[in-house]
């Protein structure tokens, strides 16, 4: 991921083996990471059981907020592809009980259809 992409909030794919080791304490037995994306300091993880959002906070990033969203709680999602002048693709996820979607931007090199496909696989069963 280039510095410019990071500054404007775009995401890039993450090395899954390295991430699996980094977050092993968050995962349950036999839970595996399927796909993951990094946006500056935050991480967006699709496992075979749930969606995990890791939000680094503060200037140093030492404080971390972990959100675990079971796929069954995702009620609606949408993707918007990158255009000629729009440099990023967008994923929106609505979780039951929340009116505002979780929204993430992905850089043009990220296959937004792949991201949507992973989410659809687990949400739609």
N, C-alpha and C. Protein backbone atom coordinates (compact mmCIF):
# COMPACT_ATOMS: atom_id res chain seq x y z
N UNK A 1 0.85 -1.17 0.00
CA UNK A 1 0.00 0.00 0.00
C UNK A 1 0.89 1.22 0.00
N UNK A 2 0.61 2.13 -0.89
CA UNK A 2 1.37 3.36 -0.94
C UNK A 2 0.95 4.32 0.14
N UNK A 3 1.81 5.26 0.46
CA UNK A 3 1.51 6.25 1.48
C UNK A 3 0.26 7.03 1.14
N UNK A 4 0.12 7.42 -0.13
CA UNK A 4 -1.05 8.19 -0.55
C UNK A 4 -2.33 7.41 -0.31
N UNK A 5 -2.34 6.11 -0.66
CA UNK A 5 -3.52 5.28 -0.43
C UNK A 5 -3.86 5.22 1.05
N UNK A 6 -2.85 5.09 1.90
CA UNK A 6 -3.07 5.04 3.34
C UNK A 6 -3.64 6.33 3.86
N UNK A 7 -3.16 7.45 3.38
CA UNK A 7 -3.62 8.74 3.86
C UNK A 7 -5.06 9.02 3.49
N UNK A 8 -5.52 8.54 2.35
CA UNK A 8 -6.90 8.79 1.97
C UNK A 8 -7.83 7.66 2.42
N UNK A 9 -7.31 6.70 3.19
CA UNK A 9 -8.17 5.70 3.81
C UNK A 9 -8.43 4.47 2.98
N UNK A 10 -7.67 4.24 1.93
CA UNK A 10 -7.87 3.05 1.12
C UNK A 10 -7.24 1.83 1.79
N UNK A 11 -7.73 0.67 1.42
CA UNK A 11 -7.27 -0.57 2.02
C UNK A 11 -6.44 -1.38 1.04
N UNK A 12 -5.60 -2.25 1.58
CA UNK A 12 -4.86 -3.18 0.76
C UNK A 12 -4.86 -4.53 1.46
N UNK A 13 -4.62 -5.60 0.70
CA UNK A 13 -4.65 -6.94 1.27
C UNK A 13 -3.46 -7.15 2.20
N UNK A 14 -3.63 -8.09 3.15
CA UNK A 14 -2.65 -8.36 4.19
C UNK A 14 -2.16 -9.80 4.03
N UNK A 15 -0.93 -10.06 4.46
CA UNK A 15 -0.38 -11.41 4.47
C UNK A 15 -1.13 -12.23 5.52
N UNK A 16 -1.87 -13.25 5.09
CA UNK A 16 -2.76 -14.00 5.98
C UNK A 16 -2.01 -14.84 7.02
N UNK A 17 -0.90 -15.44 6.64
CA UNK A 17 -0.14 -16.27 7.58
C UNK A 17 0.39 -15.42 8.73
N UNK A 18 0.94 -14.28 8.41
CA UNK A 18 1.47 -13.38 9.44
C UNK A 18 0.35 -12.88 10.34
N UNK A 19 -0.77 -12.50 9.75
CA UNK A 19 -1.90 -11.99 10.52
C UNK A 19 -2.49 -13.07 11.41
N UNK A 20 -2.59 -14.29 10.91
CA UNK A 20 -3.12 -15.42 11.70
C UNK A 20 -2.32 -15.55 13.00
N UNK A 21 -1.01 -15.40 12.92
CA UNK A 21 -0.16 -15.49 14.10
C UNK A 21 -0.38 -14.28 15.02
N UNK A 22 -0.51 -13.09 14.45
CA UNK A 22 -0.69 -11.87 15.23
C UNK A 22 -1.99 -11.86 16.03
N UNK A 23 -3.06 -12.43 15.48
CA UNK A 23 -4.37 -12.37 16.13
C UNK A 23 -4.82 -13.72 16.70
N UNK A 24 -3.89 -14.64 16.87
CA UNK A 24 -4.26 -15.98 17.31
C UNK A 24 -5.05 -15.99 18.62
N UNK A 25 -4.81 -15.00 19.51
CA UNK A 25 -5.54 -14.96 20.78
C UNK A 25 -6.99 -14.53 20.60
N UNK A 26 -7.33 -13.93 19.48
CA UNK A 26 -8.72 -13.51 19.20
C UNK A 26 -9.55 -14.63 18.59
N UNK A 27 -8.88 -15.59 17.98
CA UNK A 27 -9.57 -16.63 17.23
C UNK A 27 -9.95 -17.81 18.10
N UNK A 28 -11.07 -18.44 17.78
CA UNK A 28 -11.46 -19.66 18.49
C UNK A 28 -10.82 -20.86 17.80
N UNK A 29 -10.91 -22.01 18.44
CA UNK A 29 -10.34 -23.24 17.88
C UNK A 29 -10.90 -23.49 16.48
N UNK A 30 -10.03 -23.80 15.56
CA UNK A 30 -10.38 -24.10 14.16
C UNK A 30 -10.92 -22.91 13.37
N UNK A 31 -10.82 -21.70 13.90
CA UNK A 31 -11.23 -20.52 13.14
C UNK A 31 -10.04 -20.06 12.31
N UNK A 32 -10.27 -19.81 11.04
CA UNK A 32 -9.18 -19.37 10.17
C UNK A 32 -9.55 -18.08 9.44
N UNK A 33 -8.53 -17.31 9.17
CA UNK A 33 -8.71 -16.07 8.43
C UNK A 33 -8.80 -16.41 6.94
N UNK A 34 -9.82 -15.89 6.28
CA UNK A 34 -10.02 -16.13 4.86
C UNK A 34 -9.45 -15.00 4.01
N UNK A 35 -9.69 -13.77 4.43
CA UNK A 35 -9.20 -12.57 3.75
C UNK A 35 -9.02 -11.48 4.79
N UNK A 36 -8.12 -10.54 4.52
CA UNK A 36 -7.92 -9.42 5.44
C UNK A 36 -7.42 -8.22 4.65
N UNK A 37 -7.79 -7.05 5.13
CA UNK A 37 -7.42 -5.80 4.50
C UNK A 37 -6.97 -4.82 5.56
N UNK A 38 -5.98 -4.02 5.25
CA UNK A 38 -5.45 -3.03 6.17
C UNK A 38 -5.76 -1.64 5.64
N UNK A 39 -6.25 -0.77 6.53
CA UNK A 39 -6.51 0.62 6.20
C UNK A 39 -5.72 1.45 7.20
N UNK A 40 -4.63 2.02 6.77
CA UNK A 40 -3.67 2.74 7.62
C UNK A 40 -3.28 1.83 8.78
N UNK A 41 -3.81 2.05 10.00
CA UNK A 41 -3.44 1.21 11.14
C UNK A 41 -4.52 0.19 11.48
N UNK A 42 -5.68 0.30 10.88
CA UNK A 42 -6.80 -0.58 11.20
C UNK A 42 -6.81 -1.81 10.28
N UNK A 43 -7.44 -2.89 10.75
CA UNK A 43 -7.50 -4.13 9.97
C UNK A 43 -8.94 -4.64 9.92
N UNK A 44 -9.31 -5.16 8.78
CA UNK A 44 -10.65 -5.64 8.47
C UNK A 44 -10.46 -7.12 8.13
N UNK A 45 -10.89 -8.05 9.01
CA UNK A 45 -10.59 -9.48 8.87
C UNK A 45 -11.87 -10.29 8.64
N UNK A 46 -11.87 -11.09 7.58
CA UNK A 46 -12.93 -12.05 7.33
C UNK A 46 -12.42 -13.41 7.76
N UNK A 47 -13.05 -14.02 8.77
CA UNK A 47 -12.71 -15.39 9.12
C UNK A 47 -13.82 -16.29 8.60
N UNK A 48 -13.68 -17.57 8.80
CA UNK A 48 -14.73 -18.49 8.38
C UNK A 48 -15.92 -18.46 9.34
N UNK A 49 -15.82 -17.70 10.45
CA UNK A 49 -16.89 -17.64 11.45
C UNK A 49 -17.51 -16.25 11.62
N UNK A 50 -16.71 -15.18 11.38
CA UNK A 50 -17.17 -13.83 11.68
C UNK A 50 -16.30 -12.78 10.99
N UNK A 51 -16.72 -11.55 11.14
CA UNK A 51 -15.96 -10.40 10.67
C UNK A 51 -15.34 -9.75 11.89
N UNK A 52 -14.04 -9.51 11.86
CA UNK A 52 -13.34 -8.86 12.97
C UNK A 52 -12.77 -7.54 12.46
N UNK A 53 -13.10 -6.46 13.17
CA UNK A 53 -12.56 -5.14 12.84
C UNK A 53 -11.61 -4.74 13.96
N UNK A 54 -10.38 -4.43 13.60
CA UNK A 54 -9.38 -4.01 14.58
C UNK A 54 -9.12 -2.53 14.34
N UNK A 55 -9.41 -1.73 15.36
CA UNK A 55 -9.30 -0.28 15.28
C UNK A 55 -8.21 0.20 16.23
N UNK A 56 -7.06 0.60 15.67
CA UNK A 56 -5.97 1.15 16.48
C UNK A 56 -6.33 2.59 16.81
N UNK A 57 -6.17 2.96 18.08
CA UNK A 57 -6.58 4.29 18.51
C UNK A 57 -5.42 5.06 19.12
N UNK A 58 -5.59 6.36 19.17
CA UNK A 58 -4.59 7.23 19.79
C UNK A 58 -3.41 7.50 18.88
N UNK A 59 -2.56 8.38 19.34
CA UNK A 59 -1.39 8.78 18.56
C UNK A 59 -0.42 7.61 18.36
N UNK A 60 -0.22 6.83 19.40
CA UNK A 60 0.74 5.73 19.32
C UNK A 60 0.14 4.45 18.75
N UNK A 61 -1.17 4.33 18.78
CA UNK A 61 -1.83 3.13 18.29
C UNK A 61 -1.75 1.96 19.24
N UNK A 62 -1.33 2.21 20.49
CA UNK A 62 -1.23 1.12 21.47
C UNK A 62 -2.59 0.68 21.96
N UNK A 63 -3.53 1.62 22.04
CA UNK A 63 -4.89 1.26 22.45
C UNK A 63 -5.60 0.69 21.23
N UNK A 64 -6.20 -0.47 21.41
CA UNK A 64 -6.84 -1.16 20.29
C UNK A 64 -8.25 -1.58 20.66
N UNK A 65 -9.17 -1.35 19.72
CA UNK A 65 -10.57 -1.74 19.89
C UNK A 65 -10.84 -2.88 18.91
N UNK A 66 -11.35 -4.01 19.43
CA UNK A 66 -11.65 -5.17 18.61
C UNK A 66 -13.17 -5.33 18.50
N UNK A 67 -13.69 -5.35 17.28
CA UNK A 67 -15.11 -5.57 17.05
C UNK A 67 -15.28 -6.93 16.39
N UNK A 68 -16.15 -7.74 16.95
CA UNK A 68 -16.45 -9.05 16.39
C UNK A 68 -17.91 -9.06 15.95
N UNK A 69 -18.13 -9.28 14.66
CA UNK A 69 -19.48 -9.26 14.12
C UNK A 69 -19.80 -10.62 13.51
N UNK A 70 -20.67 -11.39 14.16
CA UNK A 70 -21.07 -12.67 13.56
C UNK A 70 -21.76 -12.40 12.22
N UNK A 71 -21.48 -13.23 11.25
CA UNK A 71 -22.07 -13.03 9.92
C UNK A 71 -23.59 -13.02 9.97
N UNK A 72 -24.20 -13.76 10.91
CA UNK A 72 -25.65 -13.81 10.98
C UNK A 72 -26.26 -12.46 11.36
N UNK A 73 -25.45 -11.54 11.91
CA UNK A 73 -25.94 -10.21 12.29
C UNK A 73 -25.83 -9.19 11.17
N UNK A 74 -25.25 -9.59 10.06
CA UNK A 74 -25.15 -8.69 8.91
C UNK A 74 -26.44 -8.83 8.11
N UNK A 75 -27.17 -7.72 8.00
CA UNK A 75 -28.48 -7.77 7.36
C UNK A 75 -28.50 -7.23 5.94
N UNK A 76 -27.48 -6.48 5.59
CA UNK A 76 -27.45 -5.86 4.26
C UNK A 76 -26.01 -5.43 3.98
N UNK A 77 -25.58 -5.55 2.73
CA UNK A 77 -24.26 -5.03 2.36
C UNK A 77 -24.28 -4.59 0.91
N UNK A 78 -23.39 -3.67 0.59
CA UNK A 78 -23.30 -3.19 -0.79
C UNK A 78 -21.86 -2.89 -1.14
N UNK A 79 -21.57 -2.94 -2.43
CA UNK A 79 -20.25 -2.54 -2.93
C UNK A 79 -20.45 -1.51 -4.03
N UNK A 80 -19.50 -0.62 -4.12
CA UNK A 80 -19.48 0.38 -5.18
C UNK A 80 -18.10 0.30 -5.80
N UNK A 81 -18.04 0.04 -7.08
CA UNK A 81 -16.75 -0.12 -7.74
C UNK A 81 -16.09 1.23 -8.00
N UNK A 82 -14.79 1.19 -8.20
CA UNK A 82 -14.04 2.39 -8.53
C UNK A 82 -14.38 2.80 -9.96
N UNK A 83 -14.38 4.10 -10.18
CA UNK A 83 -14.68 4.61 -11.52
C UNK A 83 -13.44 5.25 -12.12
N UNK A 84 -13.63 5.93 -13.23
CA UNK A 84 -12.52 6.59 -13.91
C UNK A 84 -11.92 7.69 -13.05
N UNK A 85 -12.75 8.51 -12.45
CA UNK A 85 -12.25 9.62 -11.65
C UNK A 85 -12.33 9.34 -10.15
N UNK A 86 -13.09 8.32 -9.78
CA UNK A 86 -13.21 7.91 -8.38
C UNK A 86 -12.18 6.80 -8.17
N UNK A 87 -11.16 7.05 -7.38
CA UNK A 87 -10.03 6.13 -7.27
C UNK A 87 -10.25 4.97 -6.32
N UNK A 88 -11.37 4.92 -5.62
CA UNK A 88 -11.55 3.84 -4.67
C UNK A 88 -12.89 3.15 -4.83
N UNK A 89 -12.91 1.91 -4.34
CA UNK A 89 -14.15 1.13 -4.28
C UNK A 89 -14.61 1.19 -2.83
N UNK A 90 -15.88 0.94 -2.61
CA UNK A 90 -16.44 1.11 -1.27
C UNK A 90 -17.28 -0.10 -0.89
N UNK A 91 -17.14 -0.52 0.35
CA UNK A 91 -17.95 -1.60 0.92
C UNK A 91 -18.73 -1.02 2.10
N UNK A 92 -20.04 -1.26 2.11
CA UNK A 92 -20.88 -0.85 3.22
C UNK A 92 -21.56 -2.09 3.78
N UNK A 93 -21.56 -2.18 5.12
CA UNK A 93 -22.17 -3.32 5.80
C UNK A 93 -23.11 -2.80 6.88
N UNK A 94 -24.36 -3.24 6.83
CA UNK A 94 -25.33 -2.88 7.86
C UNK A 94 -25.47 -4.05 8.82
N UNK A 95 -25.34 -3.76 10.11
CA UNK A 95 -25.43 -4.77 11.16
C UNK A 95 -26.77 -4.57 11.88
N UNK A 96 -27.43 -5.67 12.22
CA UNK A 96 -28.74 -5.56 12.88
C UNK A 96 -28.60 -4.74 14.16
N UNK A 97 -29.58 -3.84 14.36
CA UNK A 97 -29.57 -2.98 15.53
C UNK A 97 -28.86 -1.66 15.31
N UNK A 98 -28.29 -1.45 14.14
CA UNK A 98 -27.57 -0.21 13.85
C UNK A 98 -28.13 0.41 12.57
N UNK A 99 -28.38 1.70 12.60
CA UNK A 99 -28.92 2.37 11.41
C UNK A 99 -27.82 2.76 10.42
N UNK A 100 -26.64 3.06 10.92
CA UNK A 100 -25.53 3.48 10.05
C UNK A 100 -24.68 2.28 9.65
N UNK A 101 -24.26 2.24 8.39
CA UNK A 101 -23.43 1.11 7.96
C UNK A 101 -21.98 1.28 8.38
N UNK A 102 -21.29 0.17 8.45
CA UNK A 102 -19.83 0.18 8.55
C UNK A 102 -19.36 0.42 7.13
N UNK A 103 -18.48 1.37 6.93
CA UNK A 103 -18.07 1.75 5.58
C UNK A 103 -16.55 1.72 5.47
N UNK A 104 -16.04 1.05 4.45
CA UNK A 104 -14.61 0.97 4.21
C UNK A 104 -14.33 1.24 2.74
N UNK A 105 -13.26 1.96 2.48
CA UNK A 105 -12.83 2.24 1.11
C UNK A 105 -11.64 1.35 0.77
N UNK A 106 -11.62 0.84 -0.45
CA UNK A 106 -10.56 -0.04 -0.92
C UNK A 106 -9.92 0.58 -2.15
N UNK A 107 -8.61 0.46 -2.25
CA UNK A 107 -7.94 1.07 -3.41
C UNK A 107 -8.31 0.33 -4.69
N UNK A 108 -8.06 0.98 -5.80
CA UNK A 108 -8.49 0.47 -7.11
C UNK A 108 -7.88 -0.90 -7.44
N UNK A 109 -6.70 -1.19 -6.87
CA UNK A 109 -6.05 -2.47 -7.16
C UNK A 109 -6.68 -3.64 -6.40
N UNK A 110 -7.47 -3.36 -5.37
CA UNK A 110 -8.15 -4.41 -4.63
C UNK A 110 -9.38 -4.88 -5.42
N UNK A 111 -9.54 -6.17 -5.56
CA UNK A 111 -10.68 -6.73 -6.27
C UNK A 111 -11.91 -6.68 -5.35
N UNK A 112 -12.71 -5.64 -5.51
CA UNK A 112 -13.88 -5.45 -4.65
C UNK A 112 -14.90 -6.59 -4.82
N UNK A 113 -14.89 -7.22 -5.99
CA UNK A 113 -15.78 -8.36 -6.21
C UNK A 113 -15.36 -9.54 -5.34
N UNK A 114 -14.07 -9.70 -5.14
CA UNK A 114 -13.55 -10.76 -4.26
C UNK A 114 -13.97 -10.48 -2.82
N UNK A 115 -13.83 -9.24 -2.39
CA UNK A 115 -14.24 -8.86 -1.04
C UNK A 115 -15.72 -9.14 -0.84
N UNK A 116 -16.54 -8.72 -1.79
CA UNK A 116 -17.98 -8.94 -1.74
C UNK A 116 -18.29 -10.42 -1.76
N UNK A 117 -17.54 -11.19 -2.54
CA UNK A 117 -17.76 -12.63 -2.63
C UNK A 117 -17.49 -13.34 -1.32
N UNK A 118 -16.44 -12.94 -0.61
CA UNK A 118 -16.12 -13.53 0.68
C UNK A 118 -17.26 -13.22 1.66
N UNK A 119 -17.67 -11.99 1.71
CA UNK A 119 -18.76 -11.59 2.60
C UNK A 119 -20.05 -12.33 2.25
N UNK A 120 -20.40 -12.39 0.99
CA UNK A 120 -21.62 -13.08 0.54
C UNK A 120 -21.58 -14.56 0.91
N UNK A 121 -20.44 -15.18 0.76
CA UNK A 121 -20.30 -16.61 1.09
C UNK A 121 -20.72 -16.90 2.51
N UNK A 122 -20.30 -16.04 3.44
CA UNK A 122 -20.59 -16.30 4.84
C UNK A 122 -21.93 -15.73 5.30
N UNK A 123 -22.35 -14.61 4.74
CA UNK A 123 -23.63 -14.03 5.14
C UNK A 123 -24.79 -14.84 4.56
N UNK A 124 -24.64 -15.25 3.30
CA UNK A 124 -25.73 -15.95 2.63
C UNK A 124 -25.69 -17.46 2.83
N UNK A 125 -24.57 -17.95 3.34
CA UNK A 125 -24.43 -19.37 3.68
C UNK A 125 -24.28 -20.24 2.50
